[in-house]
Each structure stands twice: as C-alpha cells, then as structure tokens.
Amino acid sequence: YAFFGCSSLKLIDLKNVTKIGSNT
C-alpha cells in the first residue's frame, strides 16, 4: 500500500527494488 491511490502519480523509477509488495 506504499503508493495506493496516488491519483496524480505518472512515473516511478524503481532503481534497485527487488520486490513490490501487495497493492503497492
């Protein structure tokens, strides 16, 4: 749920992330 419902978010650069959690 880190970015859940961020309605204006258009871009994200994940760099070195290994796992995306549920409903992120």
mmCIF file of all heavy atoms, coordinates in Angstrom:
data_MODEL
# 
_entry.id   MODEL 
# 
loop_
_atom_site.group_PDB 
_atom_site.id 
_atom_site.type_symbol 
_atom_site.label_atom_id 
_atom_site.label_alt_id 
_atom_site.label_comp_id 
_atom_site.label_asym_id 
_atom_site.label_entity_id 
_atom_site.label_seq_id 
_atom_site.pdbx_PDB_ins_code 
_atom_site.Cartn_x 
_atom_site.Cartn_y 
_atom_site.Cartn_z 
_atom_site.occupancy 
_atom_site.B_iso_or_equiv 
_atom_site.pdbx_formal_charge 
_atom_site.auth_seq_id 
_atom_site.auth_comp_id 
_atom_site.auth_asym_id 
_atom_site.auth_atom_id 
_atom_site.pdbx_PDB_model_num 
ATOM 1   N N   . TYR A 1 1  ? 0.806  -1.220  0.000   1.00 0.00 ? 1  TYR A N   1 
ATOM 2   C CA  . TYR A 1 1  ? 0.000  0.000   0.000   1.00 0.00 ? 1  TYR A CA  1 
ATOM 3   C C   . TYR A 1 1  ? 0.847  1.282   0.000   1.00 0.00 ? 1  TYR A C   1 
ATOM 4   O O   . TYR A 1 1  ? 0.329  2.357   0.276   1.00 0.00 ? 1  TYR A O   1 
ATOM 5   C CB  . TYR A 1 1  ? -0.963 0.028   1.194   1.00 0.00 ? 1  TYR A CB  1 
ATOM 6   C CG  . TYR A 1 1  ? -2.142 -0.896  1.053   1.00 0.00 ? 1  TYR A CG  1 
ATOM 7   C CD1 . TYR A 1 1  ? -2.029 -2.242  1.365   1.00 0.00 ? 1  TYR A CD1 1 
ATOM 8   C CD2 . TYR A 1 1  ? -3.368 -0.431  0.599   1.00 0.00 ? 1  TYR A CD2 1 
ATOM 9   C CE1 . TYR A 1 1  ? -3.110 -3.101  1.232   1.00 0.00 ? 1  TYR A CE1 1 
ATOM 10  C CE2 . TYR A 1 1  ? -4.458 -1.287  0.464   1.00 0.00 ? 1  TYR A CE2 1 
ATOM 11  C CZ  . TYR A 1 1  ? -4.323 -2.619  0.785   1.00 0.00 ? 1  TYR A CZ  1 
ATOM 12  O OH  . TYR A 1 1  ? -5.376 -3.471  0.648   1.00 0.00 ? 1  TYR A OH  1 
ATOM 13  N N   . ALA A 1 2  ? 2.121  1.195   -0.330  1.00 0.00 ? 2  ALA A N   1 
ATOM 14  C CA  . ALA A 1 2  ? 3.000  2.363   -0.237  1.00 0.00 ? 2  ALA A CA  1 
ATOM 15  C C   . ALA A 1 2  ? 2.526  3.524   -1.099  1.00 0.00 ? 2  ALA A C   1 
ATOM 16  O O   . ALA A 1 2  ? 2.584  4.680   -0.697  1.00 0.00 ? 2  ALA A O   1 
ATOM 17  C CB  . ALA A 1 2  ? 4.430  1.977   -0.602  1.00 0.00 ? 2  ALA A CB  1 
ATOM 18  N N   . PHE A 1 3  ? 2.035  3.226   -2.320  1.00 0.00 ? 3  PHE A N   1 
ATOM 19  C CA  . PHE A 1 3  ? 1.566  4.285   -3.225  1.00 0.00 ? 3  PHE A CA  1 
ATOM 20  C C   . PHE A 1 3  ? 0.097  4.089   -3.612  1.00 0.00 ? 3  PHE A C   1 
ATOM 21  O O   . PHE A 1 3  ? -0.355 4.619   -4.623  1.00 0.00 ? 3  PHE A O   1 
ATOM 22  C CB  . PHE A 1 3  ? 2.434  4.315   -4.492  1.00 0.00 ? 3  PHE A CB  1 
ATOM 23  C CG  . PHE A 1 3  ? 3.864  4.694   -4.221  1.00 0.00 ? 3  PHE A CG  1 
ATOM 24  C CD1 . PHE A 1 3  ? 4.822  3.713   -4.028  1.00 0.00 ? 3  PHE A CD1 1 
ATOM 25  C CD2 . PHE A 1 3  ? 4.247  6.017   -4.144  1.00 0.00 ? 3  PHE A CD2 1 
ATOM 26  C CE1 . PHE A 1 3  ? 6.145  4.046   -3.767  1.00 0.00 ? 3  PHE A CE1 1 
ATOM 27  C CE2 . PHE A 1 3  ? 5.568  6.367   -3.891  1.00 0.00 ? 3  PHE A CE2 1 
ATOM 28  C CZ  . PHE A 1 3  ? 6.510  5.375   -3.697  1.00 0.00 ? 3  PHE A CZ  1 
ATOM 29  N N   . PHE A 1 4  ? -0.626 3.346   -2.817  1.00 0.00 ? 4  PHE A N   1 
ATOM 30  C CA  . PHE A 1 4  ? -2.032 3.051   -3.099  1.00 0.00 ? 4  PHE A CA  1 
ATOM 31  C C   . PHE A 1 4  ? -2.828 4.348   -3.312  1.00 0.00 ? 4  PHE A C   1 
ATOM 32  O O   . PHE A 1 4  ? -2.786 5.269   -2.503  1.00 0.00 ? 4  PHE A O   1 
ATOM 33  C CB  . PHE A 1 4  ? -2.625 2.268   -1.931  1.00 0.00 ? 4  PHE A CB  1 
ATOM 34  C CG  . PHE A 1 4  ? -4.063 1.882   -2.101  1.00 0.00 ? 4  PHE A CG  1 
ATOM 35  C CD1 . PHE A 1 4  ? -4.419 0.642   -2.580  1.00 0.00 ? 4  PHE A CD1 1 
ATOM 36  C CD2 . PHE A 1 4  ? -5.078 2.772   -1.765  1.00 0.00 ? 4  PHE A CD2 1 
ATOM 37  C CE1 . PHE A 1 4  ? -5.750 0.277   -2.726  1.00 0.00 ? 4  PHE A CE1 1 
ATOM 38  C CE2 . PHE A 1 4  ? -6.405 2.436   -1.906  1.00 0.00 ? 4  PHE A CE2 1 
ATOM 39  C CZ  . PHE A 1 4  ? -6.741 1.181   -2.391  1.00 0.00 ? 4  PHE A CZ  1 
ATOM 40  N N   . GLY A 1 5  ? -3.532 4.424   -4.431  1.00 0.00 ? 5  GLY A N   1 
ATOM 41  C CA  . GLY A 1 5  ? -4.435 5.544   -4.674  1.00 0.00 ? 5  GLY A CA  1 
ATOM 42  C C   . GLY A 1 5  ? -3.766 6.882   -4.892  1.00 0.00 ? 5  GLY A C   1 
ATOM 43  O O   . GLY A 1 5  ? -4.427 7.919   -4.754  1.00 0.00 ? 5  GLY A O   1 
ATOM 44  N N   . CYS A 1 6  ? -2.467 6.900   -5.257  1.00 0.00 ? 6  CYS A N   1 
ATOM 45  C CA  . CYS A 1 6  ? -1.799 8.171   -5.575  1.00 0.00 ? 6  CYS A CA  1 
ATOM 46  C C   . CYS A 1 6  ? -2.253 8.610   -6.965  1.00 0.00 ? 6  CYS A C   1 
ATOM 47  O O   . CYS A 1 6  ? -1.653 8.252   -7.978  1.00 0.00 ? 6  CYS A O   1 
ATOM 48  C CB  . CYS A 1 6  ? -0.287 8.010   -5.505  1.00 0.00 ? 6  CYS A CB  1 
ATOM 49  S SG  . CYS A 1 6  ? 0.337  7.761   -3.837  1.00 0.00 ? 6  CYS A SG  1 
ATOM 50  N N   . SER A 1 7  ? -3.327 9.377   -7.011  1.00 0.00 ? 7  SER A N   1 
ATOM 51  C CA  . SER A 1 7  ? -4.062 9.618   -8.258  1.00 0.00 ? 7  SER A CA  1 
ATOM 52  C C   . SER A 1 7  ? -3.322 10.484  -9.263  1.00 0.00 ? 7  SER A C   1 
ATOM 53  O O   . SER A 1 7  ? -3.666 10.483  -10.449 1.00 0.00 ? 7  SER A O   1 
ATOM 54  C CB  . SER A 1 7  ? -5.415 10.254  -7.929  1.00 0.00 ? 7  SER A CB  1 
ATOM 55  O OG  . SER A 1 7  ? -5.233 11.455  -7.201  1.00 0.00 ? 7  SER A OG  1 
ATOM 56  N N   . SER A 1 8  ? -2.307 11.260  -8.835  1.00 0.00 ? 8  SER A N   1 
ATOM 57  C CA  . SER A 1 8  ? -1.580 12.117  -9.768  1.00 0.00 ? 8  SER A CA  1 
ATOM 58  C C   . SER A 1 8  ? -0.223 11.541  -10.168 1.00 0.00 ? 8  SER A C   1 
ATOM 59  O O   . SER A 1 8  ? 0.484  12.136  -10.992 1.00 0.00 ? 8  SER A O   1 
ATOM 60  C CB  . SER A 1 8  ? -1.363 13.502  -9.150  1.00 0.00 ? 8  SER A CB  1 
ATOM 61  O OG  . SER A 1 8  ? -2.605 14.128  -8.881  1.00 0.00 ? 8  SER A OG  1 
ATOM 62  N N   . LEU A 1 9  ? 0.129  10.397  -9.609  1.00 0.00 ? 9  LEU A N   1 
ATOM 63  C CA  . LEU A 1 9  ? 1.427  9.795   -9.900  1.00 0.00 ? 9  LEU A CA  1 
ATOM 64  C C   . LEU A 1 9  ? 1.476  9.290   -11.335 1.00 0.00 ? 9  LEU A C   1 
ATOM 65  O O   . LEU A 1 9  ? 0.654  8.470   -11.740 1.00 0.00 ? 9  LEU A O   1 
ATOM 66  C CB  . LEU A 1 9  ? 1.698  8.650   -8.930  1.00 0.00 ? 9  LEU A CB  1 
ATOM 67  C CG  . LEU A 1 9  ? 3.058  7.959   -9.034  1.00 0.00 ? 9  LEU A CG  1 
ATOM 68  C CD1 . LEU A 1 9  ? 4.178  8.941   -8.695  1.00 0.00 ? 9  LEU A CD1 1 
ATOM 69  C CD2 . LEU A 1 9  ? 3.115  6.742   -8.122  1.00 0.00 ? 9  LEU A CD2 1 
ATOM 70  N N   . LYS A 1 10 ? 2.456  9.780   -12.111 1.00 0.00 ? 10 LYS A N   1 
ATOM 71  C CA  . LYS A 1 10 ? 2.564  9.418   -13.528 1.00 0.00 ? 10 LYS A CA  1 
ATOM 72  C C   . LYS A 1 10 ? 3.776  8.546   -13.833 1.00 0.00 ? 10 LYS A C   1 
ATOM 73  O O   . LYS A 1 10 ? 3.756  7.776   -14.789 1.00 0.00 ? 10 LYS A O   1 
ATOM 74  C CB  . LYS A 1 10 ? 2.630  10.686  -14.386 1.00 0.00 ? 10 LYS A CB  1 
ATOM 75  C CG  . LYS A 1 10 ? 1.383  11.544  -14.320 1.00 0.00 ? 10 LYS A CG  1 
ATOM 76  C CD  . LYS A 1 10 ? 1.546  12.808  -15.143 1.00 0.00 ? 10 LYS A CD  1 
ATOM 77  C CE  . LYS A 1 10 ? 0.294  13.681  -15.042 1.00 0.00 ? 10 LYS A CE  1 
ATOM 78  N NZ  . LYS A 1 10 ? 0.470  14.948  -15.798 1.00 0.00 ? 10 LYS A NZ  1 
ATOM 79  N N   . LEU A 1 11 ? 4.837  8.677   -13.031 1.00 0.00 ? 11 LEU A N   1 
ATOM 80  C CA  . LEU A 1 11 ? 6.075  7.950   -13.324 1.00 0.00 ? 11 LEU A CA  1 
ATOM 81  C C   . LEU A 1 11 ? 6.756  7.554   -12.026 1.00 0.00 ? 11 LEU A C   1 
ATOM 82  O O   . LEU A 1 11 ? 6.762  8.317   -11.060 1.00 0.00 ? 11 LEU A O   1 
ATOM 83  C CB  . LEU A 1 11 ? 7.019  8.828   -14.156 1.00 0.00 ? 11 LEU A CB  1 
ATOM 84  C CG  . LEU A 1 11 ? 8.402  8.268   -14.489 1.00 0.00 ? 11 LEU A CG  1 
ATOM 85  C CD1 . LEU A 1 11 ? 8.864  8.748   -15.862 1.00 0.00 ? 11 LEU A CD1 1 
ATOM 86  C CD2 . LEU A 1 11 ? 9.447  8.663   -13.428 1.00 0.00 ? 11 LEU A CD2 1 
ATOM 87  N N   . ILE A 1 12 ? 7.364  6.352   -12.032 1.00 0.00 ? 12 ILE A N   1 
ATOM 88  C CA  . ILE A 1 12 ? 8.217  5.938   -10.927 1.00 0.00 ? 12 ILE A CA  1 
ATOM 89  C C   . ILE A 1 12 ? 9.417  5.197   -11.480 1.00 0.00 ? 12 ILE A C   1 
ATOM 90  O O   . ILE A 1 12 ? 9.291  4.377   -12.402 1.00 0.00 ? 12 ILE A O   1 
ATOM 91  C CB  . ILE A 1 12 ? 7.470  5.079   -9.886  1.00 0.00 ? 12 ILE A CB  1 
ATOM 92  C CG1 . ILE A 1 12 ? 8.399  4.751   -8.708  1.00 0.00 ? 12 ILE A CG1 1 
ATOM 93  C CG2 . ILE A 1 12 ? 6.891  3.809   -10.489 1.00 0.00 ? 12 ILE A CG2 1 
ATOM 94  C CD1 . ILE A 1 12 ? 7.698  4.274   -7.473  1.00 0.00 ? 12 ILE A CD1 1 
ATOM 95  N N   . ASP A 1 13 ? 10.586 5.513   -10.949 1.00 0.00 ? 13 ASP A N   1 
ATOM 96  C CA  . ASP A 1 13 ? 11.831 4.828   -11.291 1.00 0.00 ? 13 ASP A CA  1 
ATOM 97  C C   . ASP A 1 13 ? 12.203 3.949   -10.103 1.00 0.00 ? 13 ASP A C   1 
ATOM 98  O O   . ASP A 1 13 ? 12.528 4.440   -9.026  1.00 0.00 ? 13 ASP A O   1 
ATOM 99  C CB  . ASP A 1 13 ? 12.921 5.857   -11.575 1.00 0.00 ? 13 ASP A CB  1 
ATOM 100 C CG  . ASP A 1 13 ? 14.228 5.219   -12.062 1.00 0.00 ? 13 ASP A CG  1 
ATOM 101 O OD1 . ASP A 1 13 ? 14.389 3.995   -11.899 1.00 0.00 ? 13 ASP A OD1 1 
ATOM 102 O OD2 . ASP A 1 13 ? 15.067 5.956   -12.597 1.00 0.00 ? 13 ASP A OD2 1 
ATOM 103 N N   . LEU A 1 14 ? 12.164 2.624   -10.312 1.00 0.00 ? 14 LEU A N   1 
ATOM 104 C CA  . LEU A 1 14 ? 12.341 1.680   -9.211  1.00 0.00 ? 14 LEU A CA  1 
ATOM 105 C C   . LEU A 1 14 ? 13.802 1.439   -8.835  1.00 0.00 ? 14 LEU A C   1 
ATOM 106 O O   . LEU A 1 14 ? 14.076 0.819   -7.796  1.00 0.00 ? 14 LEU A O   1 
ATOM 107 C CB  . LEU A 1 14 ? 11.689 0.339   -9.553  1.00 0.00 ? 14 LEU A CB  1 
ATOM 108 C CG  . LEU A 1 14 ? 10.165 0.341   -9.679  1.00 0.00 ? 14 LEU A CG  1 
ATOM 109 C CD1 . LEU A 1 14 ? 9.681  -1.020  -10.125 1.00 0.00 ? 14 LEU A CD1 1 
ATOM 110 C CD2 . LEU A 1 14 ? 9.503  0.749   -8.377  1.00 0.00 ? 14 LEU A CD2 1 
ATOM 111 N N   . LYS A 1 15 ? 14.734 1.867   -9.673  1.00 0.00 ? 15 LYS A N   1 
ATOM 112 C CA  . LYS A 1 15 ? 16.170 1.700   -9.409  1.00 0.00 ? 15 LYS A CA  1 
ATOM 113 C C   . LYS A 1 15 ? 16.518 0.241   -9.097  1.00 0.00 ? 15 LYS A C   1 
ATOM 114 O O   . LYS A 1 15 ? 16.548 -0.580  -9.987  1.00 0.00 ? 15 LYS A O   1 
ATOM 115 C CB  . LYS A 1 15 ? 16.628 2.630   -8.286  1.00 0.00 ? 15 LYS A CB  1 
ATOM 116 C CG  . LYS A 1 15 ? 16.569 4.106   -8.634  1.00 0.00 ? 15 LYS A CG  1 
ATOM 117 C CD  . LYS A 1 15 ? 17.554 4.462   -9.727  1.00 0.00 ? 15 LYS A CD  1 
ATOM 118 C CE  . LYS A 1 15 ? 17.580 5.978   -9.953  1.00 0.00 ? 15 LYS A CE  1 
ATOM 119 N NZ  . LYS A 1 15 ? 18.413 6.354   -11.093 1.00 0.00 ? 15 LYS A NZ  1 
ATOM 120 N N   . ASN A 1 16 ? 16.754 -0.100  -7.810  1.00 0.00 ? 16 ASN A N   1 
ATOM 121 C CA  . ASN A 1 16 ? 17.259 -1.430  -7.442  1.00 0.00 ? 16 ASN A CA  1 
ATOM 122 C C   . ASN A 1 16 ? 16.280 -2.262  -6.618  1.00 0.00 ? 16 ASN A C   1 
ATOM 123 O O   . ASN A 1 16 ? 16.681 -3.214  -5.952  1.00 0.00 ? 16 ASN A O   1 
ATOM 124 C CB  . ASN A 1 16 ? 18.573 -1.283  -6.669  1.00 0.00 ? 16 ASN A CB  1 
ATOM 125 C CG  . ASN A 1 16 ? 19.686 -0.757  -7.549  1.00 0.00 ? 16 ASN A CG  1 
ATOM 126 O OD1 . ASN A 1 16 ? 19.830 -1.169  -8.693  1.00 0.00 ? 16 ASN A OD1 1 
ATOM 127 N ND2 . ASN A 1 16 ? 20.467 0.168   -7.023  1.00 0.00 ? 16 ASN A ND2 1 
ATOM 128 N N   . VAL A 1 17 ? 15.006 -1.936  -6.670  1.00 0.00 ? 17 VAL A N   1 
ATOM 129 C CA  . VAL A 1 17 ? 13.998 -2.655  -5.867  1.00 0.00 ? 17 VAL A CA  1 
ATOM 130 C C   . VAL A 1 17 ? 13.949 -4.136  -6.268  1.00 0.00 ? 17 VAL A C   1 
ATOM 131 O O   . VAL A 1 17 ? 13.978 -4.473  -7.457  1.00 0.00 ? 17 VAL A O   1 
ATOM 132 C CB  . VAL A 1 17 ? 12.614 -2.006  -6.053  1.00 0.00 ? 17 VAL A CB  1 
ATOM 133 C CG1 . VAL A 1 17 ? 11.515 -2.883  -5.489  1.00 0.00 ? 17 VAL A CG1 1 
ATOM 134 C CG2 . VAL A 1 17 ? 12.598 -0.637  -5.382  1.00 0.00 ? 17 VAL A CG2 1 
ATOM 135 N N   . THR A 1 18 ? 13.857 -5.014  -5.268  1.00 0.00 ? 18 THR A N   1 
ATOM 136 C CA  . THR A 1 18 ? 13.799 -6.459  -5.527  1.00 0.00 ? 18 THR A CA  1 
ATOM 137 C C   . THR A 1 18 ? 12.389 -7.024  -5.446  1.00 0.00 ? 18 THR A C   1 
ATOM 138 O O   . THR A 1 18 ? 12.092 -8.047  -6.049  1.00 0.00 ? 18 THR A O   1 
ATOM 139 C CB  . THR A 1 18 ? 14.682 -7.232  -4.524  1.00 0.00 ? 18 THR A CB  1 
ATOM 140 O OG1 . THR A 1 18 ? 14.228 -6.950  -3.190  1.00 0.00 ? 18 THR A OG1 1 
ATOM 141 C CG2 . THR A 1 18 ? 16.132 -6.820  -4.664  1.00 0.00 ? 18 THR A CG2 1 
ATOM 142 N N   . LYS A 1 19 ? 11.495 -6.345  -4.700  1.00 0.00 ? 19 LYS A N   1 
ATOM 143 C CA  . LYS A 1 19 ? 10.138 -6.865  -4.548  1.00 0.00 ? 19 LYS A CA  1 
ATOM 144 C C   . LYS A 1 19 ? 9.144  -5.729  -4.413  1.00 0.00 ? 19 LYS A C   1 
ATOM 145 O O   . LYS A 1 19 ? 9.388  -4.759  -3.698  1.00 0.00 ? 19 LYS A O   1 
ATOM 146 C CB  . LYS A 1 19 ? 10.037 -7.771  -3.312  1.00 0.00 ? 19 LYS A CB  1 
ATOM 147 C CG  . LYS A 1 19 ? 8.637  -8.338  -3.101  1.00 0.00 ? 19 LYS A CG  1 
ATOM 148 C CD  . LYS A 1 19 ? 8.553  -9.213  -1.866  1.00 0.00 ? 19 LYS A CD  1 
ATOM 149 C CE  . LYS A 1 19 ? 7.128  -9.722  -1.661  1.00 0.00 ? 19 LYS A CE  1 
ATOM 150 N NZ  . LYS A 1 19 ? 6.991  -10.558 -0.451  1.00 0.00 ? 19 LYS A NZ  1 
ATOM 151 N N   . ILE A 1 20 ? 8.023  -5.841  -5.124  1.00 0.00 ? 20 ILE A N   1 
ATOM 152 C CA  . ILE A 1 20 ? 6.907  -4.900  -4.992  1.00 0.00 ? 20 ILE A CA  1 
ATOM 153 C C   . ILE A 1 20 ? 5.835  -5.575  -4.147  1.00 0.00 ? 20 ILE A C   1 
ATOM 154 O O   . ILE A 1 20 ? 5.329  -6.633  -4.505  1.00 0.00 ? 20 ILE A O   1 
ATOM 155 C CB  . ILE A 1 20 ? 6.331  -4.527  -6.370  1.00 0.00 ? 20 ILE A CB  1 
ATOM 156 C CG1 . ILE A 1 20 ? 7.405  -3.845  -7.229  1.00 0.00 ? 20 ILE A CG1 1 
ATOM 157 C CG2 . ILE A 1 20 ? 5.130  -3.612  -6.216  1.00 0.00 ? 20 ILE A CG2 1 
ATOM 158 C CD1 . ILE A 1 20 ? 6.953  -3.570  -8.652  1.00 0.00 ? 20 ILE A CD1 1 
ATOM 159 N N   . GLY A 1 21 ? 5.470  -4.982  -3.029  1.00 0.00 ? 21 GLY A N   1 
ATOM 160 C CA  . GLY A 1 21 ? 4.501  -5.578  -2.112  1.00 0.00 ? 21 GLY A CA  1 
ATOM 161 C C   . GLY A 1 21 ? 3.062  -5.457  -2.587  1.00 0.00 ? 21 GLY A C   1 
ATOM 162 O O   . GLY A 1 21 ? 2.761  -4.774  -3.563  1.00 0.00 ? 21 GLY A O   1 
ATOM 163 N N   . SER A 1 22 ? 2.161  -6.104  -1.878  1.00 0.00 ? 22 SER A N   1 
ATOM 164 C CA  . SER A 1 22 ? 0.756  -6.150  -2.288  1.00 0.00 ? 22 SER A CA  1 
ATOM 165 C C   . SER A 1 22 ? 0.133  -4.755  -2.285  1.00 0.00 ? 22 SER A C   1 
ATOM 166 O O   . SER A 1 22 ? 0.357  -3.953  -1.381  1.00 0.00 ? 22 SER A O   1 
ATOM 167 C CB  . SER A 1 22 ? -0.038 -7.077  -1.360  1.00 0.00 ? 22 SER A CB  1 
ATOM 168 O OG  . SER A 1 22 ? -0.076 -6.570  -0.054  1.00 0.00 ? 22 SER A OG  1 
ATOM 169 N N   . ASN A 1 23 ? -0.605 -4.471  -3.352  1.00 0.00 ? 23 ASN A N   1 
ATOM 170 C CA  . ASN A 1 23 ? -1.334 -3.204  -3.512  1.00 0.00 ? 23 ASN A CA  1 
ATOM 171 C C   . ASN A 1 23 ? -0.427 -1.969  -3.476  1.00 0.00 ? 23 ASN A C   1 
ATOM 172 O O   . ASN A 1 23 ? -0.885 -0.859  -3.200  1.00 0.00 ? 23 ASN A O   1 
ATOM 173 C CB  . ASN A 1 23 ? -2.432 -3.061  -2.443  1.00 0.00 ? 23 ASN A CB  1 
ATOM 174 C CG  . ASN A 1 23 ? -3.586 -3.993  -2.714  1.00 0.00 ? 23 ASN A CG  1 
ATOM 175 O OD1 . ASN A 1 23 ? -4.281 -3.868  -3.713  1.00 0.00 ? 23 ASN A OD1 1 
ATOM 176 N ND2 . ASN A 1 23 ? -3.781 -4.947  -1.827  1.00 0.00 ? 23 ASN A ND2 1 
ATOM 177 N N   . THR A 1 24 ? 0.850  -2.146  -3.785  1.00 0.00 ? 24 THR A N   1 
ATOM 178 C CA  . THR A 1 24 ? 1.796  -1.034  -3.740  1.00 0.00 ? 24 THR A CA  1 
ATOM 179 C C   . THR A 1 24 ? 1.360  0.116   -4.637  1.00 0.00 ? 24 THR A C   1 
ATOM 180 O O   . THR A 1 24 ? 1.370  1.278   -4.244  1.00 0.00 ? 24 THR A O   1 
ATOM 181 C CB  . THR A 1 24 ? 3.203  -1.505  -4.159  1.00 0.00 ? 24 THR A CB  1 
ATOM 182 O OG1 . THR A 1 24 ? 3.634  -2.512  -3.264  1.00 0.00 ? 24 THR A OG1 1 
ATOM 183 C CG2 . THR A 1 24 ? 4.193  -0.351  -4.101  1.00 0.00 ? 24 THR A CG2 1 
# 
